[in-house]
Amino acid sequence: AGSFQDASVIQHAYNLNFPLHTVPASSAQCPAWSAFSVSSPAVVLETAEDRPEALVVRLYEAHGSTVVAWLQTSLPVKEAMLCDLLERPAAGGRLPLEQRGMRLSFTPFRVLSVLLVLRQ
């Protein structure tokens, strides 16, 4: 019911096309864990690419809106910066690491790439 945004069409499409896979494990209880979370349902974290001592995370705004979203990670990030689609750091693209995560501003359908340098 309602708009595609209200119906979570994008999330349901990802769930259908990229289902979770179970992995056999011991019977011991494990705490829930996620490497990343994004504060806005309008922003999709599309991919995280491994690099030596770093990750590149690509996100996009999917609802056609202007939104501020917070990217949080449980990984040990030393430094974060915006980069271009070729994964080169953008001039003046340093992102402050705040308690809530990294603040990202999106215009409709904008793609952002974030380079996360990890602590060793």
Protein backbone atom coordinates (compact mmCIF):
# COMPACT_ATOMS: atom_id res chain seq x y z
CA ALA A 1 0.00 0.00 0.00
CA GLY A 2 1.17 3.55 -0.63
CA SER A 3 4.27 4.61 -2.51
CA PHE A 4 7.19 2.34 -3.38
CA GLN A 5 9.09 4.04 -0.56
CA ASP A 6 6.35 3.25 1.99
CA ALA A 7 6.15 -0.36 0.77
CA SER A 8 9.95 -0.88 1.09
CA VAL A 9 10.11 -2.16 -2.49
CA ILE A 10 13.89 -1.65 -2.76
CA GLN A 11 14.58 -3.60 0.46
CA HIS A 12 12.26 -6.43 -0.62
CA ALA A 13 13.97 -6.56 -4.04
CA TYR A 14 17.40 -6.88 -2.39
CA ASN A 15 16.05 -9.61 -0.08
CA LEU A 16 14.73 -11.52 -3.09
CA ASN A 17 17.80 -11.12 -5.30
CA PHE A 18 20.45 -11.48 -2.57
CA PRO A 19 19.06 -13.90 0.02
CA LEU A 20 20.94 -14.58 3.24
CA HIS A 21 22.88 -17.82 3.27
CA THR A 22 23.15 -19.87 6.43
CA VAL A 23 26.45 -21.27 7.59
CA PRO A 24 26.70 -24.25 9.96
CA ALA A 25 27.99 -23.18 13.35
CA SER A 26 28.29 -24.52 16.85
CA SER A 27 25.21 -24.52 19.06
CA ALA A 28 26.66 -21.72 21.19
CA GLN A 29 24.74 -18.46 21.21
CA CYS A 30 26.39 -15.72 19.14
CA PRO A 31 25.55 -12.04 19.54
CA ALA A 32 24.01 -10.24 16.58
CA TRP A 33 26.64 -8.38 14.58
CA SER A 34 26.70 -6.13 11.54
CA ALA A 35 29.70 -4.43 9.97
CA PHE A 36 27.62 -1.45 8.74
CA SER A 37 24.32 0.31 9.31
CA VAL A 38 22.76 3.32 7.61
CA SER A 39 20.29 5.56 9.45
CA SER A 40 17.97 6.30 6.50
CA PRO A 41 15.82 3.80 4.59
CA ALA A 42 16.29 6.04 1.52
CA VAL A 43 20.02 5.24 1.41
CA VAL A 44 21.25 1.86 0.21
CA LEU A 45 24.71 0.54 1.00
CA GLU A 46 25.40 -1.19 -2.29
CA THR A 47 28.88 -2.63 -1.85
CA ALA A 48 32.00 -2.66 0.28
CA GLU A 49 35.22 -3.43 -1.57
CA ASP A 50 38.34 -4.69 0.12
CA ARG A 51 41.64 -2.90 -0.37
CA PRO A 52 44.91 -3.33 1.49
CA GLU A 53 44.32 -1.75 4.93
CA ALA A 54 41.11 -0.07 3.74
CA LEU A 55 37.57 -0.53 2.45
CA VAL A 56 35.60 1.41 -0.13
CA VAL A 57 31.89 1.61 0.67
CA ARG A 58 29.48 2.69 -2.06
CA LEU A 59 26.05 4.08 -1.15
CA TYR A 60 23.21 5.68 -3.09
CA GLU A 61 20.00 7.58 -2.42
CA ALA A 62 17.14 5.47 -3.82
CA HIS A 63 13.94 7.40 -3.04
CA GLY A 64 14.52 10.53 -5.09
CA SER A 65 14.88 12.67 -1.97
CA THR A 66 17.40 14.95 -0.32
CA VAL A 67 18.51 13.31 2.92
CA VAL A 68 21.24 13.29 5.54
CA ALA A 69 22.20 9.78 6.64
CA TRP A 70 24.65 8.43 9.17
CA LEU A 71 26.92 5.55 8.19
CA GLN A 72 27.98 3.53 11.22
CA THR A 73 30.48 0.70 11.36
CA SER A 74 31.81 -1.64 13.99
CA LEU A 75 35.13 -1.84 12.12
CA PRO A 76 38.20 -0.02 13.52
CA VAL A 77 38.20 3.05 11.25
CA LYS A 78 41.20 5.35 11.55
CA GLU A 79 40.21 7.79 8.79
CA ALA A 80 37.25 8.30 6.43
CA MET A 81 37.04 10.33 3.24
CA LEU A 82 34.84 10.71 0.20
CA CYS A 83 36.36 9.42 -3.02
CA ASP A 84 35.41 9.40 -6.68
CA LEU A 85 34.14 6.35 -8.58
CA LEU A 86 37.75 5.44 -9.39
CA GLU A 87 38.35 5.35 -5.61
CA ARG A 88 40.68 8.37 -5.57
CA PRO A 89 40.25 10.59 -2.48
CA ALA A 90 38.27 13.76 -3.21
CA ALA A 91 39.82 17.14 -2.40
CA GLY A 92 38.38 18.33 0.90
CA GLY A 93 36.51 15.06 1.28
CA ARG A 94 37.63 14.13 4.82
CA LEU A 95 34.72 12.94 6.95
CA PRO A 96 34.80 13.53 10.70
CA LEU A 97 34.37 10.34 12.74
CA GLU A 98 31.56 11.19 15.15
CA GLN A 99 29.74 9.23 17.84
CA ARG A 100 26.81 8.65 15.45
CA GLY A 101 29.17 7.61 12.64
CA MET A 102 29.93 9.50 9.45
CA ARG A 103 27.46 12.15 8.27
CA LEU A 104 26.63 11.86 4.57
CA SER A 105 24.47 14.26 2.55
CA PHE A 106 22.54 12.96 -0.45
CA THR A 107 20.61 14.64 -3.22
CA PRO A 108 18.15 12.56 -5.29
CA PHE A 109 19.78 9.37 -6.63
CA ARG A 110 23.29 10.53 -5.71
CA VAL A 111 26.04 7.90 -5.44
CA LEU A 112 28.73 8.38 -2.78
CA SER A 113 31.91 6.37 -2.34
CA VAL A 114 33.60 6.45 1.05
CA LEU A 115 37.17 5.29 1.62
CA LEU A 116 37.63 3.86 5.13
CA VAL A 117 41.23 3.49 6.28
CA LEU A 118 41.38 0.85 9.01
CA ARG A 119 43.57 0.71 12.12
CA GLN A 120 46.01 -2.18 12.15
